[in-house]
Amino acid sequence: IAPIVVRVCRELEVDFVGPLIMVAMLSNAAGLLTLVGDPATFLVGQA
């Protein structure tokens, strides 16, 4: 997703750091949606 976010941020003339951090945080939360979404989730689910 990062290349998409950087591209859009540059077109919108805004700093891409905040949106990329948001993507990381959302990816951690969304990693709870399935067993393979996050390595930590997989470790606990497997256990």
ModelCIF file with pLDDT and N, C-alpha, C, O atoms, coordinates in Angstrom:
data_MODEL
#
_entry.id   MODEL 
#
_entity.id                         1 
_entity.type                       polymer 
_entity.pdbx_number_of_molecules   1 
#
_entity_poly.entity_id                      1 
_entity_poly.type                           'polypeptide(L)' 
_entity_poly.nstd_linkage                   no 
_entity_poly.nstd_monomer                   no 
_entity_poly.pdbx_seq_one_letter_code       IAPIVVRVCRELEVDFVGPLIMVAMLSNAAGLLTLVGDPATFLVGQA 
_entity_poly.pdbx_seq_one_letter_code_can   IAPIVVRVCRELEVDFVGPLIMVAMLSNAAGLLTLVGDPATFLVGQA 
_entity_poly.pdbx_strand_id                 A 
#
loop_
_entity_poly_seq.entity_id 
_entity_poly_seq.num 
_entity_poly_seq.mon_id 
_entity_poly_seq.hetero 
1 1  ILE n 
1 2  ALA n 
1 3  PRO n 
1 4  ILE n 
1 5  VAL n 
1 6  VAL n 
1 7  ARG n 
1 8  VAL n 
1 9  CYS n 
1 10 ARG n 
1 11 GLU n 
1 12 LEU n 
1 13 GLU n 
1 14 VAL n 
1 15 ASP n 
1 16 PHE n 
1 17 VAL n 
1 18 GLY n 
1 19 PRO n 
1 20 LEU n 
1 21 ILE n 
1 22 MET n 
1 23 VAL n 
1 24 ALA n 
1 25 MET n 
1 26 LEU n 
1 27 SER n 
1 28 ASN n 
1 29 ALA n 
1 30 ALA n 
1 31 GLY n 
1 32 LEU n 
1 33 LEU n 
1 34 THR n 
1 35 LEU n 
1 36 VAL n 
1 37 GLY n 
1 38 ASP n 
1 39 PRO n 
1 40 ALA n 
1 41 THR n 
1 42 PHE n 
1 43 LEU n 
1 44 VAL n 
1 45 GLY n 
1 46 GLN n 
1 47 ALA n 
#
_struct_asym.id          A 
_struct_asym.entity_id   1 
#
loop_
_ma_qa_metric.id 
_ma_qa_metric.mode 
_ma_qa_metric.name 
_ma_qa_metric.software_group_id 
_ma_qa_metric.type 
1 global pLDDT . pLDDT 
2 local  pLDDT . pLDDT 
#
_ma_qa_metric_global.metric_id      1 
_ma_qa_metric_global.metric_value   86.72 
_ma_qa_metric_global.model_id       1 
_ma_qa_metric_global.ordinal_id     1 
#
loop_
_ma_qa_metric_local.label_asym_id 
_ma_qa_metric_local.label_comp_id 
_ma_qa_metric_local.label_seq_id 
_ma_qa_metric_local.metric_id 
_ma_qa_metric_local.metric_value 
_ma_qa_metric_local.model_id 
_ma_qa_metric_local.ordinal_id 
A ILE 1  2 87.00 1 1  
A ALA 2  2 87.00 1 2  
A PRO 3  2 82.00 1 3  
A ILE 4  2 87.00 1 4  
A VAL 5  2 91.00 1 5  
A VAL 6  2 88.00 1 6  
A ARG 7  2 83.00 1 7  
A VAL 8  2 88.00 1 8  
A CYS 9  2 90.00 1 9  
A ARG 10 2 88.00 1 10 
A GLU 11 2 86.00 1 11 
A LEU 12 2 89.00 1 12 
A GLU 13 2 89.00 1 13 
A VAL 14 2 91.00 1 14 
A ASP 15 2 91.00 1 15 
A PHE 16 2 92.00 1 16 
A VAL 17 2 92.00 1 17 
A GLY 18 2 92.00 1 18 
A PRO 19 2 94.00 1 19 
A LEU 20 2 93.00 1 20 
A ILE 21 2 93.00 1 21 
A MET 22 2 94.00 1 22 
A VAL 23 2 93.00 1 23 
A ALA 24 2 91.00 1 24 
A MET 25 2 92.00 1 25 
A LEU 26 2 92.00 1 26 
A SER 27 2 90.00 1 27 
A ASN 28 2 87.00 1 28 
A ALA 29 2 90.00 1 29 
A ALA 30 2 89.00 1 30 
A GLY 31 2 83.00 1 31 
A LEU 32 2 89.00 1 32 
A LEU 33 2 88.00 1 33 
A THR 34 2 84.00 1 34 
A LEU 35 2 83.00 1 35 
A VAL 36 2 75.00 1 36 
A GLY 37 2 75.00 1 37 
A ASP 38 2 76.00 1 38 
A PRO 39 2 75.00 1 39 
A ALA 40 2 78.00 1 40 
A THR 41 2 83.00 1 41 
A PHE 42 2 81.00 1 42 
A LEU 43 2 81.00 1 43 
A VAL 44 2 86.00 1 44 
A GLY 45 2 85.00 1 45 
A GLN 46 2 80.00 1 46 
A ALA 47 2 83.00 1 47 
#
loop_
_atom_site.group_PDB 
_atom_site.id 
_atom_site.type_symbol 
_atom_site.label_atom_id 
_atom_site.label_alt_id 
_atom_site.label_comp_id 
_atom_site.label_asym_id 
_atom_site.label_entity_id 
_atom_site.label_seq_id 
_atom_site.pdbx_PDB_ins_code 
_atom_site.Cartn_x 
_atom_site.Cartn_y 
_atom_site.Cartn_z 
_atom_site.occupancy 
_atom_site.B_iso_or_equiv 
_atom_site.pdbx_formal_charge 
_atom_site.auth_seq_id 
_atom_site.auth_comp_id 
_atom_site.auth_asym_id 
_atom_site.auth_atom_id 
_atom_site.pdbx_PDB_model_num 
ATOM 1   N N  . ILE A 1 1  ? 0.816   -1.215  0.000  1.00 87.00 ? 1  ILE A N  1 
ATOM 2   C CA . ILE A 1 1  ? 0.000   0.000   0.000  1.00 87.00 ? 1  ILE A CA 1 
ATOM 3   C C  . ILE A 1 1  ? 0.851   1.267   0.000  1.00 87.00 ? 1  ILE A C  1 
ATOM 4   O O  . ILE A 1 1  ? 0.407   2.300   -0.501 1.00 87.00 ? 1  ILE A O  1 
ATOM 5   N N  . ALA A 1 2  ? 2.056   1.210   0.548  1.00 87.00 ? 2  ALA A N  1 
ATOM 6   C CA . ALA A 1 2  ? 2.897   2.406   0.682  1.00 87.00 ? 2  ALA A CA 1 
ATOM 7   C C  . ALA A 1 2  ? 3.092   3.173   -0.623 1.00 87.00 ? 2  ALA A C  1 
ATOM 8   O O  . ALA A 1 2  ? 2.950   4.396   -0.617 1.00 87.00 ? 2  ALA A O  1 
ATOM 9   N N  . PRO A 1 3  ? 3.411   2.514   -1.753 1.00 82.00 ? 3  PRO A N  1 
ATOM 10  C CA . PRO A 1 3  ? 3.590   3.297   -2.990 1.00 82.00 ? 3  PRO A CA 1 
ATOM 11  C C  . PRO A 1 3  ? 2.336   4.068   -3.390 1.00 82.00 ? 3  PRO A C  1 
ATOM 12  O O  . PRO A 1 3  ? 2.426   5.174   -3.924 1.00 82.00 ? 3  PRO A O  1 
ATOM 13  N N  . ILE A 1 4  ? 1.179   3.489   -3.132 1.00 87.00 ? 4  ILE A N  1 
ATOM 14  C CA . ILE A 1 4  ? -0.085  4.165   -3.450 1.00 87.00 ? 4  ILE A CA 1 
ATOM 15  C C  . ILE A 1 4  ? -0.262  5.391   -2.569 1.00 87.00 ? 4  ILE A C  1 
ATOM 16  O O  . ILE A 1 4  ? -0.634  6.461   -3.053 1.00 87.00 ? 4  ILE A O  1 
ATOM 17  N N  . VAL A 1 5  ? 0.006   5.238   -1.271 1.00 91.00 ? 5  VAL A N  1 
ATOM 18  C CA . VAL A 1 5  ? -0.158  6.342   -0.319 1.00 91.00 ? 5  VAL A CA 1 
ATOM 19  C C  . VAL A 1 5  ? 0.801   7.484   -0.653 1.00 91.00 ? 5  VAL A C  1 
ATOM 20  O O  . VAL A 1 5  ? 0.402   8.649   -0.659 1.00 91.00 ? 5  VAL A O  1 
ATOM 21  N N  . VAL A 1 6  ? 2.058   7.156   -0.928 1.00 88.00 ? 6  VAL A N  1 
ATOM 22  C CA . VAL A 1 6  ? 3.044   8.198   -1.246 1.00 88.00 ? 6  VAL A CA 1 
ATOM 23  C C  . VAL A 1 6  ? 2.635   8.949   -2.509 1.00 88.00 ? 6  VAL A C  1 
ATOM 24  O O  . VAL A 1 6  ? 2.729   10.175  -2.567 1.00 88.00 ? 6  VAL A O  1 
ATOM 25  N N  . ARG A 1 7  ? 2.186   8.216   -3.508 1.00 83.00 ? 7  ARG A N  1 
ATOM 26  C CA . ARG A 1 7  ? 1.779   8.845   -4.777 1.00 83.00 ? 7  ARG A CA 1 
ATOM 27  C C  . ARG A 1 7  ? 0.624   9.814   -4.559 1.00 83.00 ? 7  ARG A C  1 
ATOM 28  O O  . ARG A 1 7  ? 0.665   10.945  -5.043 1.00 83.00 ? 7  ARG A O  1 
ATOM 29  N N  . VAL A 1 8  ? -0.399  9.384   -3.837 1.00 88.00 ? 8  VAL A N  1 
ATOM 30  C CA . VAL A 1 8  ? -1.572  10.240  -3.621 1.00 88.00 ? 8  VAL A CA 1 
ATOM 31  C C  . VAL A 1 8  ? -1.220  11.441  -2.759 1.00 88.00 ? 8  VAL A C  1 
ATOM 32  O O  . VAL A 1 8  ? -1.684  12.550  -3.023 1.00 88.00 ? 8  VAL A O  1 
ATOM 33  N N  . CYS A 1 9  ? -0.404  11.232  -1.729 1.00 90.00 ? 9  CYS A N  1 
ATOM 34  C CA . CYS A 1 9  ? -0.018  12.352  -0.853 1.00 90.00 ? 9  CYS A CA 1 
ATOM 35  C C  . CYS A 1 9  ? 0.733   13.427  -1.633 1.00 90.00 ? 9  CYS A C  1 
ATOM 36  O O  . CYS A 1 9  ? 0.528   14.617  -1.396 1.00 90.00 ? 9  CYS A O  1 
ATOM 37  N N  . ARG A 1 10 ? 1.579   13.030  -2.539 1.00 88.00 ? 10 ARG A N  1 
ATOM 38  C CA . ARG A 1 10 ? 2.323   14.016  -3.320 1.00 88.00 ? 10 ARG A CA 1 
ATOM 39  C C  . ARG A 1 10 ? 1.398   14.779  -4.261 1.00 88.00 ? 10 ARG A C  1 
ATOM 40  O O  . ARG A 1 10 ? 1.597   15.970  -4.501 1.00 88.00 ? 10 ARG A O  1 
ATOM 41  N N  . GLU A 1 11 ? 0.401   14.105  -4.787 1.00 86.00 ? 11 GLU A N  1 
ATOM 42  C CA . GLU A 1 11 ? -0.573  14.795  -5.639 1.00 86.00 ? 11 GLU A CA 1 
ATOM 43  C C  . GLU A 1 11 ? -1.429  15.763  -4.825 1.00 86.00 ? 11 GLU A C  1 
ATOM 44  O O  . GLU A 1 11 ? -1.807  16.828  -5.312 1.00 86.00 ? 11 GLU A O  1 
ATOM 45  N N  . LEU A 1 12 ? -1.733  15.381  -3.573 1.00 89.00 ? 12 LEU A N  1 
ATOM 46  C CA . LEU A 1 12 ? -2.531  16.241  -2.701 1.00 89.00 ? 12 LEU A CA 1 
ATOM 47  C C  . LEU A 1 12 ? -1.680  17.293  -1.995 1.00 89.00 ? 12 LEU A C  1 
ATOM 48  O O  . LEU A 1 12 ? -2.209  18.160  -1.300 1.00 89.00 ? 12 LEU A O  1 
ATOM 49  N N  . GLU A 1 13 ? -0.363  17.215  -2.174 1.00 89.00 ? 13 GLU A N  1 
ATOM 50  C CA . GLU A 1 13 ? 0.596   18.154  -1.584 1.00 89.00 ? 13 GLU A CA 1 
ATOM 51  C C  . GLU A 1 13 ? 0.533   18.144  -0.058 1.00 89.00 ? 13 GLU A C  1 
ATOM 52  O O  . GLU A 1 13 ? 0.505   19.195  0.582  1.00 89.00 ? 13 GLU A O  1 
ATOM 53  N N  . VAL A 1 14 ? 0.511   16.936  0.515  1.00 91.00 ? 14 VAL A N  1 
ATOM 54  C CA . VAL A 1 14 ? 0.530   16.772  1.973  1.00 91.00 ? 14 VAL A CA 1 
ATOM 55  C C  . VAL A 1 14 ? 1.658   15.804  2.325  1.00 91.00 ? 14 VAL A C  1 
ATOM 56  O O  . VAL A 1 14 ? 2.128   15.039  1.484  1.00 91.00 ? 14 VAL A O  1 
ATOM 57  N N  . ASP A 1 15 ? 2.078   15.856  3.586  1.00 91.00 ? 15 ASP A N  1 
ATOM 58  C CA . ASP A 1 15 ? 3.148   14.987  4.069  1.00 91.00 ? 15 ASP A CA 1 
ATOM 59  C C  . ASP A 1 15 ? 2.638   13.547  4.131  1.00 91.00 ? 15 ASP A C  1 
ATOM 60  O O  . ASP A 1 15 ? 1.554   13.294  4.656  1.00 91.00 ? 15 ASP A O  1 
ATOM 61  N N  . PHE A 1 16 ? 3.415   12.607  3.599  1.00 92.00 ? 16 PHE A N  1 
ATOM 62  C CA . PHE A 1 16 ? 2.969   11.214  3.562  1.00 92.00 ? 16 PHE A CA 1 
ATOM 63  C C  . PHE A 1 16 ? 3.297   10.442  4.838  1.00 92.00 ? 16 PHE A C  1 
ATOM 64  O O  . PHE A 1 16 ? 2.855   9.304   4.993  1.00 92.00 ? 16 PHE A O  1 
ATOM 65  N N  . VAL A 1 17 ? 4.065   11.038  5.755  1.00 92.00 ? 17 VAL A N  1 
ATOM 66  C CA . VAL A 1 17 ? 4.476   10.306  6.955  1.00 92.00 ? 17 VAL A CA 1 
ATOM 67  C C  . VAL A 1 17 ? 3.271   9.923   7.807  1.00 92.00 ? 17 VAL A C  1 
ATOM 68  O O  . VAL A 1 17 ? 3.141   8.766   8.205  1.00 92.00 ? 17 VAL A O  1 
ATOM 69  N N  . GLY A 1 18 ? 2.391   10.877  8.092  1.00 92.00 ? 18 GLY A N  1 
ATOM 70  C CA . GLY A 1 18 ? 1.206   10.590  8.900  1.00 92.00 ? 18 GLY A CA 1 
ATOM 71  C C  . GLY A 1 18 ? 0.338   9.492   8.300  1.00 92.00 ? 18 GLY A C  1 
ATOM 72  O O  . GLY A 1 18 ? 0.012   8.533   8.999  1.00 92.00 ? 18 GLY A O  1 
ATOM 73  N N  . PRO A 1 19 ? -0.050  9.596   7.025  1.00 94.00 ? 19 PRO A N  1 
ATOM 74  C CA . PRO A 1 19 ? -0.846  8.523   6.416  1.00 94.00 ? 19 PRO A CA 1 
ATOM 75  C C  . PRO A 1 19 ? -0.146  7.167   6.411  1.00 94.00 ? 19 PRO A C  1 
ATOM 76  O O  . PRO A 1 19 ? -0.804  6.139   6.573  1.00 94.00 ? 19 PRO A O  1 
ATOM 77  N N  . LEU A 1 20 ? 1.193   7.142   6.226  1.00 93.00 ? 20 LEU A N  1 
ATOM 78  C CA . LEU A 1 20 ? 1.885   5.859   6.264  1.00 93.00 ? 20 LEU A CA 1 
ATOM 79  C C  . LEU A 1 20 ? 1.874   5.264   7.670  1.00 93.00 ? 20 LEU A C  1 
ATOM 80  O O  . LEU A 1 20 ? 1.736   4.051   7.832  1.00 93.00 ? 20 LEU A O  1 
ATOM 81  N N  . ILE A 1 21 ? 2.017   6.110   8.681  1.00 93.00 ? 21 ILE A N  1 
ATOM 82  C CA . ILE A 1 21 ? 1.905   5.623   10.058 1.00 93.00 ? 21 ILE A CA 1 
ATOM 83  C C  . ILE A 1 21 ? 0.499   5.099   10.306 1.00 93.00 ? 21 ILE A C  1 
ATOM 84  O O  . ILE A 1 21 ? 0.328   4.078   10.972 1.00 93.00 ? 21 ILE A O  1 
ATOM 85  N N  . MET A 1 22 ? -0.517  5.791   9.773  1.00 94.00 ? 22 MET A N  1 
ATOM 86  C CA . MET A 1 22 ? -1.891  5.327   9.909  1.00 94.00 ? 22 MET A CA 1 
ATOM 87  C C  . MET A 1 22 ? -2.073  3.957   9.257  1.00 94.00 ? 22 MET A C  1 
ATOM 88  O O  . MET A 1 22 ? -2.744  3.085   9.809  1.00 94.00 ? 22 MET A O  1 
ATOM 89  N N  . VAL A 1 23 ? -1.473  3.773   8.079  1.00 93.00 ? 23 VAL A N  1 
ATOM 90  C CA . VAL A 1 23 ? -1.549  2.474   7.400  1.00 93.00 ? 23 VAL A CA 1 
ATOM 91  C C  . VAL A 1 23 ? -0.944  1.381   8.278  1.00 93.00 ? 23 VAL A C  1 
ATOM 92  O O  . VAL A 1 23 ? -1.508  0.292   8.388  1.00 93.00 ? 23 VAL A O  1 
ATOM 93  N N  . ALA A 1 24 ? 0.201   1.665   8.902  1.00 91.00 ? 24 ALA A N  1 
ATOM 94  C CA . ALA A 1 24 ? 0.838   0.678   9.771  1.00 91.00 ? 24 ALA A CA 1 
ATOM 95  C C  . ALA A 1 24 ? -0.061  0.330   10.952 1.00 91.00 ? 24 ALA A C  1 
ATOM 96  O O  . ALA A 1 24 ? -0.235  -0.845  11.277 1.00 91.00 ? 24 ALA A O  1 
ATOM 97  N N  . MET A 1 25 ? -0.637  1.351   11.599 1.00 92.00 ? 25 MET A N  1 
ATOM 98  C CA . MET A 1 25 ? -1.494  1.101   12.752 1.00 92.00 ? 25 MET A CA 1 
ATOM 99  C C  . MET A 1 25 ? -2.770  0.368   12.352 1.00 92.00 ? 25 MET A C  1 
ATOM 100 O O  . MET A 1 25 ? -3.219  -0.531  13.063 1.00 92.00 ? 25 MET A O  1 
ATOM 101 N N  . LEU A 1 26 ? -3.356  0.751   11.213 1.00 92.00 ? 26 LEU A N  1 
ATOM 102 C CA . LEU A 1 26 ? -4.548  0.056   10.734 1.00 92.00 ? 26 LEU A CA 1 
ATOM 103 C C  . LEU A 1 26 ? -4.224  -1.376  10.326 1.00 92.00 ? 26 LEU A C  1 
ATOM 104 O O  . LEU A 1 26 ? -5.036  -2.283  10.510 1.00 92.00 ? 26 LEU A O  1 
ATOM 105 N N  . SER A 1 27 ? -3.040  -1.569  9.774  1.00 90.00 ? 27 SER A N  1 
ATOM 106 C CA . SER A 1 27 ? -2.670  -2.930  9.384  1.00 90.00 ? 27 SER A CA 1 
ATOM 107 C C  . SER A 1 27 ? -2.536  -3.828  10.606 1.00 90.00 ? 27 SER A C  1 
ATOM 108 O O  . SER A 1 27 ? -2.868  -5.012  10.547 1.00 90.00 ? 27 SER A O  1 
ATOM 109 N N  . ASN A 1 28 ? -2.047  -3.268  11.721 1.00 87.00 ? 28 ASN A N  1 
ATOM 110 C CA . ASN A 1 28 ? -1.972  -4.050  12.948 1.00 87.00 ? 28 ASN A CA 1 
ATOM 111 C C  . ASN A 1 28 ? -3.366  -4.411  13.446 1.00 87.00 ? 28 ASN A C  1 
ATOM 112 O O  . ASN A 1 28 ? -3.615  -5.545  13.856 1.00 87.00 ? 28 ASN A O  1 
ATOM 113 N N  . ALA A 1 29 ? -4.277  -3.433  13.406 1.00 90.00 ? 29 ALA A N  1 
ATOM 114 C CA . ALA A 1 29 ? -5.659  -3.707  13.826 1.00 90.00 ? 29 ALA A CA 1 
ATOM 115 C C  . ALA A 1 29 ? -6.337  -4.680  12.876 1.00 90.00 ? 29 ALA A C  1 
ATOM 116 O O  . ALA A 1 29 ? -6.999  -5.622  13.311 1.00 90.00 ? 29 ALA A O  1 
ATOM 117 N N  . ALA A 1 30 ? -6.171  -4.450  11.572 1.00 89.00 ? 30 ALA A N  1 
ATOM 118 C CA . ALA A 1 30 ? -6.778  -5.334  10.576 1.00 89.00 ? 30 ALA A CA 1 
ATOM 119 C C  . ALA A 1 30 ? -6.133  -6.714  10.587 1.00 89.00 ? 30 ALA A C  1 
ATOM 120 O O  . ALA A 1 30 ? -6.722  -7.686  10.114 1.00 89.00 ? 30 ALA A O  1 
ATOM 121 N N  . GLY A 1 31 ? -4.925  -6.795  11.125 1.00 83.00 ? 31 GLY A N  1 
ATOM 122 C CA . GLY A 1 31 ? -4.284  -8.099  11.267 1.00 83.00 ? 31 GLY A CA 1 
ATOM 123 C C  . GLY A 1 31 ? -5.049  -9.034  12.172 1.00 83.00 ? 31 GLY A C  1 
ATOM 124 O O  . GLY A 1 31 ? -4.810  -10.241 12.164 1.00 83.00 ? 31 GLY A O  1 
ATOM 125 N N  . LEU A 1 32 ? -5.981  -8.483  12.965 1.00 89.00 ? 32 LEU A N  1 
ATOM 126 C CA . LEU A 1 32 ? -6.823  -9.305  13.831 1.00 89.00 ? 32 LEU A CA 1 
ATOM 127 C C  . LEU A 1 32 ? -8.035  -9.871  13.103 1.00 89.00 ? 32 LEU A C  1 
ATOM 128 O O  . LEU A 1 32 ? -8.781  -10.670 13.669 1.00 89.00 ? 32 LEU A O  1 
ATOM 129 N N  . LEU A 1 33 ? -8.237  -9.464  11.854 1.00 88.00 ? 33 LEU A N  1 
ATOM 130 C CA . LEU A 1 33 ? -9.413  -9.933  11.120 1.00 88.00 ? 33 LEU A CA 1 
ATOM 131 C C  . LEU A 1 33 ? -9.307  -11.409 10.760 1.00 88.00 ? 33 LEU A C  1 
ATOM 132 O O  . LEU A 1 33 ? -10.316 -12.113 10.726 1.00 88.00 ? 33 LEU A O  1 
ATOM 133 N N  . THR A 1 34 ? -8.089  -11.885 10.492 1.00 84.00 ? 34 THR A N  1 
ATOM 134 C CA . THR A 1 34 ? -7.884  -13.291 10.138 1.00 84.00 ? 34 THR A CA 1 
ATOM 135 C C  . THR A 1 34 ? -6.658  -13.836 10.859 1.00 84.00 ? 34 THR A C  1 
ATOM 136 O O  . THR A 1 34 ? -5.860  -13.090 11.427 1.00 84.00 ? 34 THR A O  1 
ATOM 137 N N  . LEU A 1 35 ? -6.532  -15.149 10.819 1.00 83.00 ? 35 LEU A N  1 
ATOM 138 C CA . LEU A 1 35 ? -5.438  -15.808 11.520 1.00 83.00 ? 35 LEU A CA 1 
ATOM 139 C C  . LEU A 1 35 ? -4.076  -15.436 10.961 1.00 83.00 ? 35 LEU A C  1 
ATOM 140 O O  . LEU A 1 35 ? -3.082  -15.472 11.687 1.00 83.00 ? 35 LEU A O  1 
ATOM 141 N N  . VAL A 1 36 ? -4.012  -15.076 9.667  1.00 75.00 ? 36 VAL A N  1 
ATOM 142 C CA . VAL A 1 36 ? -2.720  -14.801 9.023  1.00 75.00 ? 36 VAL A CA 1 
ATOM 143 C C  . VAL A 1 36 ? -2.457  -13.309 8.864  1.00 75.00 ? 36 VAL A C  1 
ATOM 144 O O  . VAL A 1 36 ? -1.482  -12.923 8.218  1.00 75.00 ? 36 VAL A O  1 
ATOM 145 N N  . GLY A 1 37 ? -3.305  -12.463 9.440  1.00 75.00 ? 37 GLY A N  1 
ATOM 146 C CA . GLY A 1 37 ? -3.150  -11.027 9.241  1.00 75.00 ? 37 GLY A CA 1 
ATOM 147 C C  . GLY A 1 37 ? -1.951  -10.423 9.937  1.00 75.00 ? 37 GLY A C  1 
ATOM 148 O O  . GLY A 1 37 ? -1.462  -9.371  9.526  1.00 75.00 ? 37 GLY A O  1 
ATOM 149 N N  . ASP A 1 38 ? -1.469  -11.070 10.980 1.00 76.00 ? 38 ASP A N  1 
ATOM 150 C CA . ASP A 1 38 ? -0.329  -10.551 11.738 1.00 76.00 ? 38 ASP A CA 1 
ATOM 151 C C  . ASP A 1 38 ? 0.451   -11.742 12.287 1.00 76.00 ? 38 ASP A C  1 
ATOM 152 O O  . ASP A 1 38 ? -0.162  -12.679 12.797 1.00 76.00 ? 38 ASP A O  1 
ATOM 153 N N  . PRO A 1 39 ? 1.778   -11.739 12.200 1.00 75.00 ? 39 PRO A N  1 
ATOM 154 C CA . PRO A 1 39 ? 2.540   -12.863 12.742 1.00 75.00 ? 39 PRO A CA 1 
ATOM 155 C C  . PRO A 1 39 ? 2.264   -13.108 14.224 1.00 75.00 ? 39 PRO A C  1 
ATOM 156 O O  . PRO A 1 39 ? 2.234   -14.257 14.666 1.00 75.00 ? 39 PRO A O  1 
ATOM 157 N N  . ALA A 1 40 ? 2.062   -12.031 15.000 1.00 78.00 ? 40 ALA A N  1 
ATOM 158 C CA . ALA A 1 40 ? 1.744   -12.197 16.419 1.00 78.00 ? 40 ALA A CA 1 
ATOM 159 C C  . ALA A 1 40 ? 0.394   -12.880 16.592 1.00 78.00 ? 40 ALA A C  1 
ATOM 160 O O  . ALA A 1 40 ? 0.234   -13.737 17.461 1.00 78.00 ? 40 ALA A O  1 
ATOM 161 N N  . THR A 1 41 ? -0.574  -12.501 15.769 1.00 83.00 ? 41 THR A N  1 
ATOM 162 C CA . THR A 1 41 ? -1.887  -13.145 15.797 1.00 83.00 ? 41 THR A CA 1 
ATOM 163 C C  . THR A 1 41 ? -1.761  -14.626 15.483 1.00 83.00 ? 41 THR A C  1 
ATOM 164 O O  . THR A 1 41 ? -2.395  -15.463 16.126 1.00 83.00 ? 41 THR A O  1 
ATOM 165 N N  . PHE A 1 42 ? -0.941  -14.943 14.494 1.00 81.00 ? 42 PHE A N  1 
ATOM 166 C CA . PHE A 1 42 ? -0.757  -16.344 14.117 1.00 81.00 ? 42 PHE A CA 1 
ATOM 167 C C  . PHE A 1 42 ? -0.136  -17.140 15.261 1.00 81.00 ? 42 PHE A C  1 
ATOM 168 O O  . PHE A 1 42 ? -0.546  -18.272 15.517 1.00 81.00 ? 42 PHE A O  1 
ATOM 169 N N  . LEU A 1 43 ? 0.849   -16.563 15.954 1.00 81.00 ? 43 LEU A N  1 
ATOM 170 C CA . LEU A 1 43 ? 1.493   -17.268 17.061 1.00 81.00 ? 43 LEU A CA 1 
ATOM 171 C C  . LEU A 1 43 ? 0.486   -17.635 18.147 1.00 81.00 ? 43 LEU A C  1 
ATOM 172 O O  . LEU A 1 43 ? 0.475   -18.766 18.633 1.00 81.00 ? 43 LEU A O  1 
ATOM 173 N N  . VAL A 1 44 ? -0.366  -16.670 18.529 1.00 86.00 ? 44 VAL A N  1 
ATOM 174 C CA . VAL A 1 44 ? -1.346  -16.938 19.590 1.00 86.00 ? 44 VAL A CA 1 
ATOM 175 C C  . VAL A 1 44 ? -2.429  -17.890 19.087 1.00 86.00 ? 44 VAL A C  1 
ATOM 176 O O  . VAL A 1 44 ? -2.816  -18.823 19.791 1.00 86.00 ? 44 VAL A O  1 
ATOM 177 N N  . GLY A 1 45 ? -2.919  -17.654 17.866 1.00 85.00 ? 45 GLY A N  1 
ATOM 178 C CA . GLY A 1 45 ? -3.949  -18.532 17.321 1.00 85.00 ? 45 GLY A CA 1 
ATOM 179 C C  . GLY A 1 45 ? -3.467  -19.961 17.205 1.00 85.00 ? 45 GLY A C  1 
ATOM 180 O O  . GLY A 1 45 ? -4.214  -20.899 17.482 1.00 85.00 ? 45 GLY A O  1 
ATOM 181 N N  . GLN A 1 46 ? -2.220  -20.130 16.796 1.00 80.00 ? 46 GLN A N  1 
ATOM 182 C CA . GLN A 1 46 ? -1.644  -21.470 16.693 1.00 80.00 ? 46 GLN A CA 1 
ATOM 183 C C  . GLN A 1 46 ? -1.549  -22.109 18.070 1.00 80.00 ? 46 GLN A C  1 
ATOM 184 O O  . GLN A 1 46 ? -1.876  -23.285 18.229 1.00 80.00 ? 46 GLN A O  1 
ATOM 185 N N  . ALA A 1 47 ? -1.105  -21.350 19.069 1.00 83.00 ? 47 ALA A N  1 
ATOM 186 C CA . ALA A 1 47 ? -0.990  -21.881 20.428 1.00 83.00 ? 47 ALA A CA 1 
ATOM 187 C C  . ALA A 1 47 ? -2.352  -22.266 20.992 1.00 83.00 ? 47 ALA A C  1 
ATOM 188 O O  . ALA A 1 47 ? -2.441  -22.731 22.128 1.00 83.00 ? 47 ALA A O  1 
#
